[in-house]
Amino acid sequence: LEFNIHEGGMTKEQAISYMMRGGFQSKVEAERNWDRIALLPGEGVYAYVGFQELLELEKQYRQLKGADYSRKEFLEKVLSFGPIHLRQLKKKLFP
C-alpha cells in the first residue's frame, strides 16, 4: 500500500477505499492511516525490517549454540533485555 501511494500513483480515495475493504477499517481509521503514510514515507516497513534483522540474529545465535540451541531460550534472553536497539542487542548476545 505504501509503495502504491508514494510511487504507484494511488490516490487518497483509492487508498482509503482499499483500507476500508481489505483492512476492515472505518473511514476515520483509514483517513488517519492515510495521513500517517503520506507524512511518514517508509515508516510502515520499520517493523518488517526489524523483524528480518531479529531473524538474522537468531540465525547467528543458533550457529553459535549449535546442538544446545533452544528457541525458547533465545527469545527469553532477547526479552530479558527489555526495549533495546538491535545494535545493542547484538552486542549483548555476542559479547
Protein backbone atom coordinates (compact mmCIF):
# COMPACT_ATOMS: atom_id res chain seq x y z
CA LEU A 1 0.00 0.00 0.00
CA GLU A 2 2.72 2.43 0.98
CA PHE A 3 4.63 1.84 -2.23
CA ASN A 4 1.49 2.31 -4.32
CA ILE A 5 0.75 5.58 -2.54
CA HIS A 6 4.23 7.04 -2.92
CA GLU A 7 5.37 5.51 -6.20
CA GLY A 8 2.39 3.91 -7.89
CA GLY A 9 0.06 6.86 -8.10
CA MET A 10 -2.65 5.53 -5.78
CA THR A 11 -4.95 8.38 -4.85
CA LYS A 12 -6.13 9.19 -1.34
CA GLU A 13 -9.63 8.00 -2.21
CA GLN A 14 -8.34 4.72 -3.65
CA ALA A 15 -6.15 4.08 -0.60
CA ILE A 16 -8.95 4.82 1.86
CA SER A 17 -11.33 2.57 -0.06
CA TYR A 18 -8.72 -0.20 -0.12
CA MET A 19 -8.09 0.07 3.63
CA MET A 20 -11.81 0.02 4.36
CA ARG A 21 -12.43 -3.03 2.16
CA GLY A 22 -9.24 -5.02 2.66
CA GLY A 23 -8.23 -3.83 6.10
CA PHE A 24 -11.69 -3.73 7.64
CA GLN A 25 -11.07 -0.20 8.85
CA SER A 26 -13.61 2.51 9.45
CA LYS A 27 -13.38 5.59 7.26
CA VAL A 28 -11.87 7.56 10.17
CA GLU A 29 -9.20 4.88 10.76
CA ALA A 30 -8.39 4.71 7.05
CA GLU A 31 -8.07 8.50 6.85
CA ARG A 32 -5.72 8.51 9.85
CA ASN A 33 -3.63 5.79 8.24
CA TRP A 34 -3.54 7.79 5.01
CA ASP A 35 -2.21 10.80 6.93
CA ARG A 36 0.45 8.67 8.63
CA ILE A 37 1.54 7.05 5.38
CA ALA A 38 1.57 10.35 3.48
CA LEU A 39 3.53 12.19 6.17
CA LEU A 40 5.96 9.41 7.13
CA PRO A 41 7.07 7.58 3.97
CA GLY A 42 8.82 4.32 4.75
CA GLU A 43 7.61 4.20 8.36
CA GLY A 44 5.34 1.26 7.62
CA VAL A 45 8.26 -1.04 6.85
CA TYR A 46 10.22 -0.40 10.05
CA ALA A 47 8.66 -3.33 11.89
CA TYR A 48 9.28 -5.68 8.96
CA VAL A 49 12.92 -4.65 8.65
CA GLY A 50 13.41 -5.05 12.40
CA PHE A 51 11.82 -8.49 12.27
CA GLN A 52 14.18 -9.54 9.48
CA GLU A 53 17.16 -8.30 11.49
CA LEU A 54 15.95 -10.23 14.53
CA LEU A 55 15.66 -13.39 12.43
CA GLU A 56 19.27 -12.87 11.33
CA LEU A 57 20.38 -12.50 14.96
CA GLU A 58 18.54 -15.71 15.80
CA LYS A 59 20.32 -17.50 12.95
CA GLN A 60 23.70 -16.32 14.25
CA TYR A 61 22.77 -17.31 17.81
CA ARG A 62 21.69 -20.77 16.59
CA GLN A 63 25.05 -21.21 14.84
CA LEU A 64 26.87 -20.14 17.99
CA LYS A 65 24.95 -22.54 20.24
CA GLY A 66 24.89 -25.47 17.82
CA ALA A 67 23.15 -28.51 19.30
CA ASP A 68 22.46 -26.57 22.52
CA TYR A 69 20.27 -24.04 20.68
CA SER A 70 16.78 -23.53 22.07
CA ARG A 71 14.38 -21.04 20.51
CA LYS A 72 12.66 -20.61 23.87
CA GLU A 73 15.99 -19.75 25.48
CA PHE A 74 16.83 -17.33 22.67
CA LEU A 75 13.51 -15.50 22.96
CA GLU A 76 13.69 -15.37 26.76
CA LYS A 77 17.19 -13.93 26.53
CA VAL A 78 16.10 -11.32 23.97
CA LEU A 79 13.11 -10.31 26.08
CA SER A 80 15.21 -10.14 29.24
CA PHE A 81 16.95 -7.04 27.89
CA GLY A 82 13.68 -5.12 27.58
CA PRO A 83 13.25 -2.46 24.91
CA ILE A 84 16.62 -2.22 23.23
CA HIS A 85 18.03 -1.15 19.87
CA LEU A 86 19.04 -4.10 17.70
CA ARG A 87 22.70 -2.98 17.61
CA GLN A 88 22.81 -3.09 21.40
CA LEU A 89 21.01 -6.43 21.44
CA LYS A 90 23.64 -7.89 19.13
CA LYS A 91 26.41 -6.71 21.46
CA LYS A 92 24.67 -8.35 24.42
CA LEU A 93 24.01 -11.62 22.60
CA PHE A 94 27.55 -11.83 21.20
CA PRO A 95 29.88 -10.08 23.68
